[in-house]
Amino acid sequence: MIQPEQIKSVIEDGLQCDHVEVAGDGHHFEAVIVSSQFRGKSKVQQHQLVYRALGDRMREEIHALSMRTLTPEEWGG
């Protein structure tokens, strides 16, 4: 069973991130991801970047992922 810290590491390895938080129970996860790569992209495009970083894990190990994606400016307020 995949753990939140593993998902956090995979996201950080596949996407340049300023901040990543992941919580969950092994099946359902919630994430907050802050990346400058999100600038100028729609929420759908931002989520696609995260899904790309997760690759096959999204289909095989992660059953549900709710995410909040932000640029550094949005994160900083």
N, C-alpha and C. Protein backbone atom coordinates (compact mmCIF):
# COMPACT_ATOMS: atom_id res chain seq x y z
N MET A 1 0.84 -1.18 0.00
CA MET A 1 0.00 0.00 0.00
C MET A 1 0.89 1.25 0.00
N ILE A 2 0.61 2.15 -0.90
CA ILE A 2 1.40 3.37 -1.02
C ILE A 2 1.05 4.36 0.11
N GLN A 3 2.06 5.03 0.60
CA GLN A 3 1.90 5.96 1.71
C GLN A 3 2.01 7.41 1.22
N PRO A 4 1.44 8.35 1.97
CA PRO A 4 1.49 9.76 1.58
C PRO A 4 2.91 10.26 1.29
N GLU A 5 3.88 9.86 2.11
CA GLU A 5 5.27 10.32 1.90
C GLU A 5 5.83 9.83 0.56
N GLN A 6 5.42 8.64 0.14
CA GLN A 6 5.89 8.12 -1.14
C GLN A 6 5.31 8.94 -2.29
N ILE A 7 4.05 9.28 -2.20
CA ILE A 7 3.41 10.11 -3.23
C ILE A 7 4.09 11.47 -3.28
N LYS A 8 4.36 12.05 -2.12
CA LYS A 8 5.04 13.34 -2.04
C LYS A 8 6.39 13.26 -2.76
N SER A 9 7.15 12.22 -2.52
CA SER A 9 8.46 12.05 -3.15
C SER A 9 8.35 11.92 -4.66
N VAL A 10 7.37 11.16 -5.12
CA VAL A 10 7.19 10.96 -6.56
C VAL A 10 6.83 12.29 -7.24
N ILE A 11 5.94 13.05 -6.62
CA ILE A 11 5.55 14.35 -7.18
C ILE A 11 6.77 15.27 -7.23
N GLU A 12 7.53 15.31 -6.14
CA GLU A 12 8.71 16.18 -6.09
C GLU A 12 9.78 15.76 -7.11
N ASP A 13 9.88 14.46 -7.37
CA ASP A 13 10.86 13.97 -8.36
C ASP A 13 10.44 14.31 -9.79
N GLY A 14 9.13 14.37 -10.03
CA GLY A 14 8.64 14.56 -11.39
C GLY A 14 8.22 15.96 -11.74
N LEU A 15 8.22 16.87 -10.76
CA LEU A 15 7.72 18.22 -10.98
C LEU A 15 8.51 19.17 -10.08
N GLN A 16 8.94 20.27 -10.64
CA GLN A 16 9.66 21.26 -9.83
C GLN A 16 8.66 21.92 -8.88
N CYS A 17 8.80 21.65 -7.60
CA CYS A 17 7.84 22.12 -6.61
C CYS A 17 8.48 23.02 -5.57
N ASP A 18 7.73 24.01 -5.12
CA ASP A 18 8.14 24.85 -4.01
C ASP A 18 7.66 24.26 -2.69
N HIS A 19 6.53 23.53 -2.75
CA HIS A 19 5.93 22.98 -1.54
C HIS A 19 5.00 21.84 -1.94
N VAL A 20 5.03 20.75 -1.19
CA VAL A 20 4.10 19.63 -1.41
C VAL A 20 3.69 19.08 -0.06
N GLU A 21 2.39 18.92 0.12
CA GLU A 21 1.84 18.25 1.30
C GLU A 21 0.92 17.15 0.79
N VAL A 22 1.03 15.96 1.36
CA VAL A 22 0.13 14.86 0.99
C VAL A 22 -0.33 14.17 2.26
N ALA A 23 -1.63 13.94 2.36
CA ALA A 23 -2.20 13.21 3.48
C ALA A 23 -3.13 12.14 2.90
N GLY A 24 -3.31 11.06 3.64
CA GLY A 24 -4.23 10.03 3.16
C GLY A 24 -4.15 8.76 3.96
N ASP A 25 -5.01 7.82 3.57
CA ASP A 25 -5.16 6.57 4.32
C ASP A 25 -4.63 5.35 3.58
N GLY A 26 -3.89 5.56 2.49
CA GLY A 26 -3.38 4.44 1.72
C GLY A 26 -4.19 4.18 0.46
N HIS A 27 -5.40 4.71 0.39
CA HIS A 27 -6.24 4.56 -0.80
C HIS A 27 -6.70 5.91 -1.33
N HIS A 28 -7.10 6.79 -0.42
CA HIS A 28 -7.59 8.12 -0.78
C HIS A 28 -6.63 9.16 -0.22
N PHE A 29 -6.26 10.10 -1.08
CA PHE A 29 -5.25 11.08 -0.70
C PHE A 29 -5.70 12.50 -1.03
N GLU A 30 -5.15 13.44 -0.27
CA GLU A 30 -5.33 14.86 -0.52
C GLU A 30 -3.95 15.48 -0.62
N ALA A 31 -3.78 16.37 -1.59
CA ALA A 31 -2.47 17.00 -1.78
C ALA A 31 -2.61 18.50 -2.01
N VAL A 32 -1.63 19.24 -1.52
CA VAL A 32 -1.45 20.65 -1.84
C VAL A 32 -0.10 20.73 -2.53
N ILE A 33 -0.09 21.25 -3.75
CA ILE A 33 1.13 21.29 -4.54
C ILE A 33 1.34 22.72 -5.04
N VAL A 34 2.51 23.26 -4.74
CA VAL A 34 2.87 24.62 -5.16
C VAL A 34 4.05 24.51 -6.12
N SER A 35 3.86 25.04 -7.33
CA SER A 35 4.92 24.96 -8.34
C SER A 35 4.87 26.17 -9.26
N SER A 36 6.04 26.67 -9.60
CA SER A 36 6.13 27.76 -10.57
C SER A 36 5.74 27.26 -11.97
N GLN A 37 5.78 25.96 -12.18
CA GLN A 37 5.38 25.39 -13.48
C GLN A 37 3.88 25.53 -13.72
N PHE A 38 3.12 25.90 -12.70
CA PHE A 38 1.68 26.07 -12.85
C PHE A 38 1.32 27.45 -13.41
N ARG A 39 2.27 28.37 -13.43
CA ARG A 39 1.99 29.73 -13.91
C ARG A 39 1.44 29.70 -15.34
N GLY A 40 0.35 30.44 -15.55
CA GLY A 40 -0.23 30.56 -16.88
C GLY A 40 -1.00 29.35 -17.36
N LYS A 41 -1.18 28.36 -16.50
CA LYS A 41 -1.89 27.14 -16.88
C LYS A 41 -3.24 27.08 -16.16
N SER A 42 -4.22 26.47 -16.83
CA SER A 42 -5.53 26.26 -16.20
C SER A 42 -5.39 25.20 -15.11
N LYS A 43 -6.40 25.09 -14.27
CA LYS A 43 -6.37 24.05 -13.22
C LYS A 43 -6.27 22.66 -13.84
N VAL A 44 -6.97 22.45 -14.94
CA VAL A 44 -6.91 21.14 -15.62
C VAL A 44 -5.47 20.86 -16.07
N GLN A 45 -4.82 21.85 -16.67
CA GLN A 45 -3.43 21.67 -17.12
C GLN A 45 -2.50 21.44 -15.93
N GLN A 46 -2.74 22.14 -14.83
CA GLN A 46 -1.93 21.95 -13.62
C GLN A 46 -2.07 20.53 -13.11
N HIS A 47 -3.30 20.04 -13.06
CA HIS A 47 -3.55 18.68 -12.58
C HIS A 47 -2.92 17.65 -13.52
N GLN A 48 -2.95 17.93 -14.82
CA GLN A 48 -2.32 17.02 -15.78
C GLN A 48 -0.82 16.91 -15.53
N LEU A 49 -0.17 18.01 -15.17
CA LEU A 49 1.26 17.96 -14.83
C LEU A 49 1.51 17.04 -13.64
N VAL A 50 0.64 17.11 -12.64
CA VAL A 50 0.79 16.26 -11.46
C VAL A 50 0.54 14.80 -11.84
N TYR A 51 -0.51 14.53 -12.62
CA TYR A 51 -0.80 13.17 -13.06
C TYR A 51 0.36 12.60 -13.86
N ARG A 52 0.97 13.43 -14.70
CA ARG A 52 2.12 12.99 -15.49
C ARG A 52 3.28 12.62 -14.56
N ALA A 53 3.49 13.42 -13.52
CA ALA A 53 4.56 13.13 -12.56
C ALA A 53 4.31 11.80 -11.84
N LEU A 54 3.04 11.51 -11.56
CA LEU A 54 2.69 10.28 -10.85
C LEU A 54 2.71 9.06 -11.76
N GLY A 55 2.53 9.26 -13.05
CA GLY A 55 2.60 8.17 -14.02
C GLY A 55 1.65 7.03 -13.72
N ASP A 56 2.16 5.81 -13.83
CA ASP A 56 1.35 4.60 -13.66
C ASP A 56 0.81 4.45 -12.24
N ARG A 57 1.44 5.07 -11.28
CA ARG A 57 0.94 4.96 -9.91
C ARG A 57 -0.50 5.46 -9.80
N MET A 58 -0.85 6.44 -10.63
CA MET A 58 -2.20 6.99 -10.59
C MET A 58 -3.22 5.93 -10.94
N ARG A 59 -2.88 5.04 -11.85
CA ARG A 59 -3.81 3.98 -12.25
C ARG A 59 -3.72 2.77 -11.35
N GLU A 60 -2.52 2.47 -10.86
CA GLU A 60 -2.29 1.19 -10.19
C GLU A 60 -2.36 1.25 -8.67
N GLU A 61 -1.88 2.34 -8.07
CA GLU A 61 -1.76 2.37 -6.61
C GLU A 61 -2.63 3.42 -5.92
N ILE A 62 -2.92 4.50 -6.63
CA ILE A 62 -3.67 5.59 -6.02
C ILE A 62 -5.10 5.54 -6.54
N HIS A 63 -6.04 5.31 -5.64
CA HIS A 63 -7.43 5.14 -6.06
C HIS A 63 -8.16 6.48 -6.13
N ALA A 64 -7.77 7.43 -5.33
CA ALA A 64 -8.40 8.75 -5.35
C ALA A 64 -7.40 9.79 -4.86
N LEU A 65 -7.29 10.87 -5.61
CA LEU A 65 -6.39 11.96 -5.24
C LEU A 65 -7.12 13.27 -5.46
N SER A 66 -7.33 13.97 -4.38
CA SER A 66 -7.89 15.31 -4.42
C SER A 66 -6.72 16.26 -4.28
N MET A 67 -6.60 17.20 -5.21
CA MET A 67 -5.45 18.08 -5.12
C MET A 67 -5.83 19.54 -5.26
N ARG A 68 -5.03 20.35 -4.60
CA ARG A 68 -5.12 21.81 -4.70
C ARG A 68 -3.78 22.25 -5.27
N THR A 69 -3.82 22.83 -6.46
CA THR A 69 -2.59 23.26 -7.12
C THR A 69 -2.53 24.79 -7.09
N LEU A 70 -1.35 25.31 -6.77
CA LEU A 70 -1.16 26.75 -6.64
C LEU A 70 0.18 27.17 -7.21
N THR A 71 0.24 28.41 -7.70
CA THR A 71 1.52 29.01 -8.06
C THR A 71 2.14 29.52 -6.76
N PRO A 72 3.43 29.82 -6.75
CA PRO A 72 4.04 30.39 -5.54
C PRO A 72 3.35 31.69 -5.11
N GLU A 73 2.90 32.48 -6.08
CA GLU A 73 2.22 33.74 -5.74
C GLU A 73 0.88 33.48 -5.05
N GLU A 74 0.14 32.50 -5.54
CA GLU A 74 -1.14 32.15 -4.91
C GLU A 74 -0.91 31.58 -3.51
N TRP A 75 0.13 30.79 -3.35
CA TRP A 75 0.46 30.19 -2.06
C TRP A 75 0.86 31.24 -1.04
N GLY A 76 1.64 32.21 -1.50
CA GLY A 76 2.13 33.26 -0.61
C GLY A 76 1.10 34.30 -0.24
N GLY A 77 -0.03 34.27 -0.95
CA GLY A 77 -1.11 35.17 -0.61
C GLY A 77 -1.07 36.45 -1.35
